[in-house]
Protein backbone atom coordinates (compact mmCIF):
# COMPACT_ATOMS: atom_id res chain seq x y z
CA MET A 1 -7.17 -58.92 160.09
CA SER A 2 -10.23 -59.89 158.14
CA THR A 3 -12.25 -57.25 156.37
CA LEU A 4 -15.34 -56.02 158.15
CA LYS A 5 -18.62 -56.38 156.32
CA ALA A 6 -21.61 -54.10 156.78
CA LYS A 7 -23.61 -56.99 158.26
CA GLU A 8 -20.98 -57.52 160.95
CA ILE A 9 -20.87 -53.81 161.78
CA LYS A 10 -24.67 -53.60 162.09
CA LYS A 11 -24.63 -56.41 164.64
CA MET A 12 -22.12 -54.58 166.86
CA SER A 13 -23.20 -52.50 169.81
CA LYS A 14 -21.91 -48.94 170.13
CA GLU A 15 -19.43 -49.96 172.82
CA ASP A 16 -18.10 -52.81 170.70
CA MET A 17 -17.78 -50.45 167.76
CA LYS A 18 -15.75 -47.95 169.79
CA LYS A 19 -13.45 -50.70 171.03
CA LYS A 20 -12.98 -52.07 167.52
CA ILE A 21 -12.16 -48.62 166.14
CA GLU A 22 -9.51 -48.16 168.84
CA GLU A 23 -8.05 -51.59 168.05
CA LEU A 24 -7.95 -50.75 164.34
CA LYS A 25 -6.22 -47.44 165.02
CA LEU A 26 -3.52 -49.24 167.00
CA GLU A 27 -3.19 -51.81 164.24
CA LEU A 28 -2.81 -48.99 161.72
CA ILE A 29 0.08 -47.54 163.69
CA LYS A 30 1.75 -50.95 163.93
CA SER A 31 1.30 -51.65 160.23
CA ARG A 32 2.84 -48.29 159.32
CA VAL A 33 5.90 -49.11 161.42
CA SER A 34 6.28 -52.57 159.92
CA ALA A 35 5.77 -51.19 156.42
CA THR A 36 8.78 -48.94 156.81
CA LYS A 37 10.89 -51.90 157.89
CA THR A 38 9.70 -54.59 155.48
CA GLY A 39 8.13 -52.72 152.60
CA SER A 40 4.76 -54.51 152.76
CA SER A 41 1.78 -52.94 154.44
CA LYS A 42 -1.84 -53.50 155.39
CA THR A 43 -2.49 -49.83 155.95
CA ARG A 44 -4.99 -49.47 153.10
CA GLU A 45 -7.16 -52.32 154.36
CA THR A 46 -7.08 -51.00 157.93
CA LYS A 47 -7.94 -47.46 156.82
CA LYS A 48 -10.92 -48.75 154.85
CA ALA A 49 -12.20 -50.71 157.84
CA ILE A 50 -11.95 -47.64 160.10
CA ALA A 51 -13.68 -45.46 157.51
CA ARG A 52 -16.45 -48.03 157.04
CA MET A 53 -17.15 -48.13 160.77
CA LEU A 54 -17.09 -44.35 161.16
CA THR A 55 -19.37 -43.91 158.15
CA PHE A 56 -21.84 -46.42 159.50
CA ASN A 57 -21.73 -44.69 162.88
CA LYS A 58 -22.39 -41.29 161.27
CA SER A 59 -25.27 -42.54 159.11
CA GLU A 60 -26.85 -44.18 162.15
CA LYS A 61 -26.76 -40.87 164.04
CA GLU A 62 -28.33 -39.01 161.11
CA GLU A 63 -31.20 -41.50 160.96
CA LEU A 64 -31.91 -40.98 164.63
CA ASN A 65 -31.96 -37.19 164.18
CA LYS A 66 -34.48 -37.46 161.33
CA LYS A 67 -36.95 -39.34 163.50
């Protein structure tokens, strides 16, 4: 998984964002399972990507409420 940049997130529609968050959550579960077996993990990177998308989503909603 490549890291998501703010520019990429801004280009996404709300539906695409929801789908991507669901995909990342599934990937997080899979990486946790593989981390217990192999010892290496991508959980931190996946968590950051989810948090970045949720934060952007929240800030977008706040901007709409201010207008």
